[in-house]
Amino acid sequence: MSAPAFPAALPSLTRVTWAQPDTGFHVASRAGEFVGYVDTTADGHFVAFDGRSTAVGRYDSLAHAKRAVLSAGSTPCLPLYGIDRQLHTAAAACGILAVMLFVAAGTVVPAL
């Protein structure tokens, strides 16, 4: 009898890894996915940002800022509604049109 198959660990249950790619800049990831970051200001405070690079708050300690990133990182992305969805659709259509024009220009230019 084989062991029951369980789904991969949920992102909220996996360990968060912090990296410091630059002085005063700390980046959080969970199972390879970006969670957020903390940036240090010139006056020594710490500004926490969520996974969408939205400021969460300003803190006196790095530990408090990291906790804020993790709290903000646990909220799921909201679906697009209304005008956001329309703008997203319009942007996608413009991108497709641009690719089509690029391809068309590539076929016309060699013929000249």
N, C-alpha and C. Protein backbone atom coordinates (compact mmCIF):
# COMPACT_ATOMS: atom_id res chain seq x y z
N MET A 1 0.84 -1.17 0.00
CA MET A 1 0.00 0.00 0.00
C MET A 1 0.89 1.23 0.00
N SER A 2 0.58 2.18 -0.87
CA SER A 2 1.40 3.39 -0.96
C SER A 2 0.87 4.46 -0.02
N ALA A 3 1.73 5.40 0.27
CA ALA A 3 1.36 6.50 1.15
C ALA A 3 0.38 7.42 0.43
N PRO A 4 -0.54 8.03 1.16
CA PRO A 4 -1.49 8.94 0.50
C PRO A 4 -0.77 10.14 -0.08
N ALA A 5 -1.26 10.58 -1.22
CA ALA A 5 -0.65 11.74 -1.88
C ALA A 5 -1.25 13.01 -1.30
N PHE A 6 -0.39 13.88 -0.82
CA PHE A 6 -0.83 15.15 -0.28
C PHE A 6 -0.37 16.24 -1.23
N PRO A 7 -1.17 17.31 -1.38
CA PRO A 7 -0.74 18.42 -2.23
C PRO A 7 0.51 19.07 -1.66
N ALA A 8 1.22 19.77 -2.50
CA ALA A 8 2.42 20.47 -2.03
C ALA A 8 2.04 21.40 -0.89
N ALA A 9 3.00 21.68 -0.05
CA ALA A 9 2.75 22.53 1.10
C ALA A 9 2.17 23.87 0.66
N LEU A 10 1.19 24.33 1.39
CA LEU A 10 0.58 25.61 1.06
C LEU A 10 1.59 26.73 1.28
N PRO A 11 1.58 27.76 0.44
CA PRO A 11 2.53 28.85 0.61
C PRO A 11 2.49 29.47 2.00
N SER A 12 1.30 29.55 2.61
CA SER A 12 1.21 30.16 3.92
C SER A 12 1.86 29.31 5.00
N LEU A 13 2.09 28.03 4.72
CA LEU A 13 2.69 27.15 5.71
C LEU A 13 4.19 26.96 5.52
N THR A 14 4.72 27.39 4.40
CA THR A 14 6.14 27.22 4.14
C THR A 14 6.92 28.37 4.75
N ARG A 15 8.16 28.11 4.96
CA ARG A 15 9.05 29.06 5.61
C ARG A 15 9.37 30.25 4.71
N VAL A 16 9.44 31.42 5.30
CA VAL A 16 9.82 32.64 4.58
C VAL A 16 11.33 32.79 4.66
N THR A 17 11.93 33.09 3.53
CA THR A 17 13.37 33.31 3.45
C THR A 17 13.62 34.79 3.22
N TRP A 18 14.51 35.37 3.99
CA TRP A 18 14.88 36.77 3.83
C TRP A 18 16.26 36.85 3.21
N ALA A 19 16.40 37.70 2.21
CA ALA A 19 17.70 37.95 1.58
C ALA A 19 18.00 39.43 1.68
N GLN A 20 19.29 39.76 1.69
CA GLN A 20 19.70 41.16 1.74
C GLN A 20 20.59 41.44 0.52
N PRO A 21 19.95 41.77 -0.64
CA PRO A 21 20.73 41.99 -1.85
C PRO A 21 21.55 43.27 -1.83
N ASP A 22 21.19 44.21 -0.95
CA ASP A 22 21.93 45.47 -0.85
C ASP A 22 21.84 45.97 0.59
N THR A 23 22.71 46.85 0.96
CA THR A 23 22.72 47.39 2.31
C THR A 23 21.39 48.10 2.58
N GLY A 24 20.73 47.70 3.65
CA GLY A 24 19.49 48.33 4.05
C GLY A 24 18.27 47.88 3.26
N PHE A 25 18.41 46.85 2.45
CA PHE A 25 17.30 46.37 1.62
C PHE A 25 17.13 44.88 1.86
N HIS A 26 15.95 44.47 2.34
CA HIS A 26 15.68 43.09 2.70
C HIS A 26 14.47 42.59 1.91
N VAL A 27 14.62 41.43 1.28
CA VAL A 27 13.57 40.88 0.42
C VAL A 27 13.09 39.55 0.99
N ALA A 28 11.77 39.39 1.03
CA ALA A 28 11.17 38.16 1.56
C ALA A 28 10.61 37.32 0.42
N SER A 29 10.84 36.00 0.51
CA SER A 29 10.24 35.07 -0.45
C SER A 29 9.77 33.83 0.29
N ARG A 30 8.77 33.19 -0.28
CA ARG A 30 8.20 31.98 0.31
C ARG A 30 8.06 30.97 -0.81
N ALA A 31 8.76 29.87 -0.73
CA ALA A 31 8.74 28.81 -1.74
C ALA A 31 9.05 29.39 -3.13
N GLY A 32 10.00 30.33 -3.18
CA GLY A 32 10.41 30.92 -4.44
C GLY A 32 9.53 32.04 -4.94
N GLU A 33 8.46 32.36 -4.23
CA GLU A 33 7.54 33.42 -4.63
C GLU A 33 7.82 34.69 -3.82
N PHE A 34 7.82 35.84 -4.48
CA PHE A 34 8.06 37.13 -3.85
C PHE A 34 6.95 37.46 -2.87
N VAL A 35 7.31 37.85 -1.65
CA VAL A 35 6.33 38.18 -0.62
C VAL A 35 6.29 39.69 -0.37
N GLY A 36 7.45 40.34 -0.36
CA GLY A 36 7.53 41.77 -0.08
C GLY A 36 8.96 42.14 0.28
N TYR A 37 9.14 43.38 0.73
CA TYR A 37 10.49 43.81 1.09
C TYR A 37 10.46 44.92 2.11
N VAL A 38 11.62 45.17 2.70
CA VAL A 38 11.81 46.25 3.67
C VAL A 38 12.97 47.08 3.18
N ASP A 39 12.77 48.39 3.14
CA ASP A 39 13.81 49.32 2.73
C ASP A 39 14.14 50.23 3.90
N THR A 40 15.41 50.57 4.07
CA THR A 40 15.84 51.43 5.15
C THR A 40 15.93 52.87 4.66
N THR A 41 15.38 53.80 5.42
CA THR A 41 15.43 55.21 5.04
C THR A 41 16.74 55.83 5.52
N ALA A 42 17.02 57.03 5.03
CA ALA A 42 18.26 57.72 5.42
C ALA A 42 18.30 58.03 6.91
N ASP A 43 17.14 58.21 7.53
CA ASP A 43 17.12 58.52 8.96
C ASP A 43 17.06 57.27 9.85
N GLY A 44 17.21 56.09 9.26
CA GLY A 44 17.30 54.86 10.04
C GLY A 44 15.99 54.14 10.30
N HIS A 45 14.90 54.57 9.71
CA HIS A 45 13.63 53.87 9.85
C HIS A 45 13.52 52.77 8.79
N PHE A 46 12.54 51.92 8.96
CA PHE A 46 12.34 50.80 8.04
C PHE A 46 10.93 50.90 7.45
N VAL A 47 10.85 50.91 6.12
CA VAL A 47 9.57 50.99 5.43
C VAL A 47 9.27 49.62 4.85
N ALA A 48 8.12 49.06 5.22
CA ALA A 48 7.71 47.73 4.77
C ALA A 48 6.81 47.87 3.54
N PHE A 49 7.02 46.97 2.57
CA PHE A 49 6.23 46.94 1.34
C PHE A 49 5.69 45.53 1.14
N ASP A 50 4.46 45.43 0.64
CA ASP A 50 3.87 44.12 0.40
C ASP A 50 4.31 43.56 -0.95
N GLY A 51 3.72 42.47 -1.36
CA GLY A 51 4.08 41.81 -2.61
C GLY A 51 3.74 42.58 -3.86
N ARG A 52 2.97 43.65 -3.74
CA ARG A 52 2.64 44.52 -4.88
C ARG A 52 3.40 45.83 -4.81
N SER A 53 4.41 45.90 -3.95
CA SER A 53 5.24 47.09 -3.73
C SER A 53 4.43 48.28 -3.22
N THR A 54 3.38 47.99 -2.46
CA THR A 54 2.60 49.03 -1.80
C THR A 54 3.12 49.17 -0.38
N ALA A 55 3.40 50.41 0.03
CA ALA A 55 3.91 50.63 1.38
C ALA A 55 2.90 50.18 2.42
N VAL A 56 3.39 49.41 3.39
CA VAL A 56 2.55 48.90 4.46
C VAL A 56 2.66 49.79 5.69
N GLY A 57 3.87 50.31 5.93
CA GLY A 57 4.08 51.17 7.10
C GLY A 57 5.54 51.48 7.31
N ARG A 58 5.78 52.39 8.25
CA ARG A 58 7.14 52.82 8.60
C ARG A 58 7.38 52.40 10.04
N TYR A 59 8.52 51.77 10.31
CA TYR A 59 8.78 51.18 11.61
C TYR A 59 10.14 51.57 12.15
N ASP A 60 10.26 51.51 13.48
CA ASP A 60 11.53 51.84 14.13
C ASP A 60 12.50 50.67 14.12
N SER A 61 11.99 49.44 14.00
CA SER A 61 12.87 48.28 14.02
C SER A 61 12.66 47.41 12.78
N LEU A 62 13.71 46.74 12.39
CA LEU A 62 13.65 45.84 11.24
C LEU A 62 12.70 44.68 11.52
N ALA A 63 12.71 44.19 12.75
CA ALA A 63 11.85 43.06 13.11
C ALA A 63 10.36 43.42 12.94
N HIS A 64 9.97 44.62 13.36
CA HIS A 64 8.58 45.04 13.21
C HIS A 64 8.22 45.20 11.73
N ALA A 65 9.13 45.73 10.94
CA ALA A 65 8.88 45.91 9.51
C ALA A 65 8.74 44.56 8.82
N LYS A 66 9.57 43.60 9.18
CA LYS A 66 9.48 42.26 8.59
C LYS A 66 8.16 41.60 8.94
N ARG A 67 7.71 41.77 10.19
CA ARG A 67 6.42 41.22 10.59
C ARG A 67 5.28 41.83 9.78
N ALA A 68 5.38 43.12 9.49
CA ALA A 68 4.35 43.80 8.71
C ALA A 68 4.31 43.27 7.28
N VAL A 69 5.49 42.99 6.72
CA VAL A 69 5.55 42.41 5.36
C VAL A 69 4.86 41.07 5.35
N LEU A 70 5.14 40.24 6.32
CA LEU A 70 4.54 38.91 6.37
C LEU A 70 3.03 38.97 6.58
N SER A 71 2.57 39.91 7.38
CA SER A 71 1.12 40.07 7.59
C SER A 71 0.44 40.53 6.31
N ALA A 72 1.05 41.47 5.62
CA ALA A 72 0.47 41.99 4.38
C ALA A 72 0.58 40.97 3.26
N GLY A 73 1.63 40.14 3.28
CA GLY A 73 1.84 39.16 2.23
C GLY A 73 0.86 38.02 2.25
N SER A 74 0.13 37.87 3.35
CA SER A 74 -0.79 36.75 3.44
C SER A 74 -2.14 37.04 2.79
N THR A 75 -2.39 38.29 2.39
CA THR A 75 -3.66 38.60 1.76
C THR A 75 -3.60 38.25 0.29
N PRO A 76 -4.60 37.56 -0.23
CA PRO A 76 -4.59 37.16 -1.63
C PRO A 76 -4.81 38.36 -2.56
N CYS A 77 -4.37 38.22 -3.79
CA CYS A 77 -4.61 39.25 -4.79
C CYS A 77 -6.09 39.28 -5.12
N LEU A 78 -6.62 40.46 -5.25
CA LEU A 78 -8.03 40.60 -5.57
C LEU A 78 -8.22 40.58 -7.08
N PRO A 79 -9.33 40.05 -7.54
CA PRO A 79 -9.58 40.04 -8.99
C PRO A 79 -9.85 41.44 -9.51
N LEU A 80 -9.65 41.63 -10.80
CA LEU A 80 -9.88 42.92 -11.41
C LEU A 80 -11.37 43.12 -11.66
N TYR A 81 -11.87 44.29 -11.34
CA TYR A 81 -13.27 44.62 -11.56
C TYR A 81 -13.38 45.94 -12.31
N GLY A 82 -14.51 46.15 -12.95
CA GLY A 82 -14.87 47.44 -13.54
C GLY A 82 -13.83 47.99 -14.49
N ILE A 83 -13.43 49.23 -14.23
CA ILE A 83 -12.53 49.95 -15.13
C ILE A 83 -11.16 49.28 -15.18
N ASP A 84 -10.70 48.70 -14.08
CA ASP A 84 -9.41 48.00 -14.08
C ASP A 84 -9.42 46.86 -15.09
N ARG A 85 -10.50 46.12 -15.13
CA ARG A 85 -10.62 45.00 -16.06
C ARG A 85 -10.66 45.51 -17.50
N GLN A 86 -11.36 46.61 -17.73
CA GLN A 86 -11.43 47.18 -19.07
C GLN A 86 -10.06 47.69 -19.52
N LEU A 87 -9.35 48.35 -18.62
CA LEU A 87 -8.01 48.84 -18.97
C LEU A 87 -7.06 47.68 -19.24
N HIS A 88 -7.18 46.62 -18.47
CA HIS A 88 -6.34 45.44 -18.67
C HIS A 88 -6.62 44.82 -20.04
N THR A 89 -7.89 44.73 -20.41
CA THR A 89 -8.27 44.18 -21.71
C THR A 89 -7.76 45.08 -22.84
N ALA A 90 -7.90 46.41 -22.68
CA ALA A 90 -7.43 47.35 -23.70
C ALA A 90 -5.91 47.26 -23.86
N ALA A 91 -5.20 47.13 -22.76
CA ALA A 91 -3.74 47.03 -22.83
C ALA A 91 -3.32 45.74 -23.53
N ALA A 92 -4.01 44.65 -23.26
CA ALA A 92 -3.70 43.38 -23.93
C ALA A 92 -3.97 43.49 -25.43
N ALA A 93 -5.08 44.14 -25.81
CA ALA A 93 -5.40 44.30 -27.23
C ALA A 93 -4.35 45.17 -27.93
N CYS A 94 -3.90 46.23 -27.27
CA CYS A 94 -2.85 47.08 -27.85
C CYS A 94 -1.55 46.30 -28.04
N GLY A 95 -1.22 45.45 -27.09
CA GLY A 95 -0.02 44.64 -27.21
C GLY A 95 -0.10 43.67 -28.37
N ILE A 96 -1.25 43.05 -28.55
CA ILE A 96 -1.44 42.12 -29.67
C ILE A 96 -1.34 42.87 -30.99
N LEU A 97 -1.96 44.05 -31.07
CA LEU A 97 -1.90 44.87 -32.28
C LEU A 97 -0.46 45.28 -32.59
N ALA A 98 0.30 45.64 -31.58
CA ALA A 98 1.70 46.03 -31.78
C ALA A 98 2.52 44.87 -32.33
N VAL A 99 2.32 43.68 -31.82
CA VAL A 99 3.04 42.50 -32.33
C VAL A 99 2.66 42.24 -33.78
N MET A 100 1.37 42.36 -34.09
CA MET A 100 0.93 42.12 -35.47
C MET A 100 1.54 43.14 -36.43
N LEU A 101 1.60 44.41 -36.03
CA LEU A 101 2.22 45.44 -36.86
C LEU A 101 3.72 45.20 -37.03
N PHE A 102 4.36 44.74 -35.99
CA PHE A 102 5.79 44.43 -36.06
C PHE A 102 6.06 43.30 -37.06
N VAL A 103 5.24 42.27 -36.99
CA VAL A 103 5.39 41.14 -37.92
C VAL A 103 5.10 41.58 -39.35
N ALA A 104 4.05 42.39 -39.53
CA ALA A 104 3.71 42.88 -40.86
C ALA A 104 4.83 43.74 -41.43
N ALA A 105 5.42 44.59 -40.62
CA ALA A 105 6.52 45.43 -41.08
C ALA A 105 7.73 44.58 -41.45
N GLY A 106 7.95 43.51 -40.73
CA GLY A 106 9.07 42.62 -41.04
C GLY A 106 8.90 41.90 -42.35
N THR A 107 7.67 41.68 -42.79
CA THR A 107 7.44 41.02 -44.07
C THR A 107 7.46 42.00 -45.23
N VAL A 108 7.15 43.27 -44.97
CA VAL A 108 7.11 44.28 -46.01
C VAL A 108 8.50 44.84 -46.31
N VAL A 109 9.27 45.10 -45.30
CA VAL A 109 10.58 45.74 -45.47
C VAL A 109 11.52 44.93 -46.38
N PRO A 110 11.65 43.62 -46.24
CA PRO A 110 12.56 42.89 -47.13
C PRO A 110 12.12 42.94 -48.60
N ALA A 111 10.83 43.17 -48.84
CA ALA A 111 10.34 43.22 -50.22
C ALA A 111 10.71 44.54 -50.90
N LEU A 112 11.08 45.56 -50.15
CA LEU A 112 11.41 46.86 -50.73
C LEU A 112 12.78 46.91 -51.31
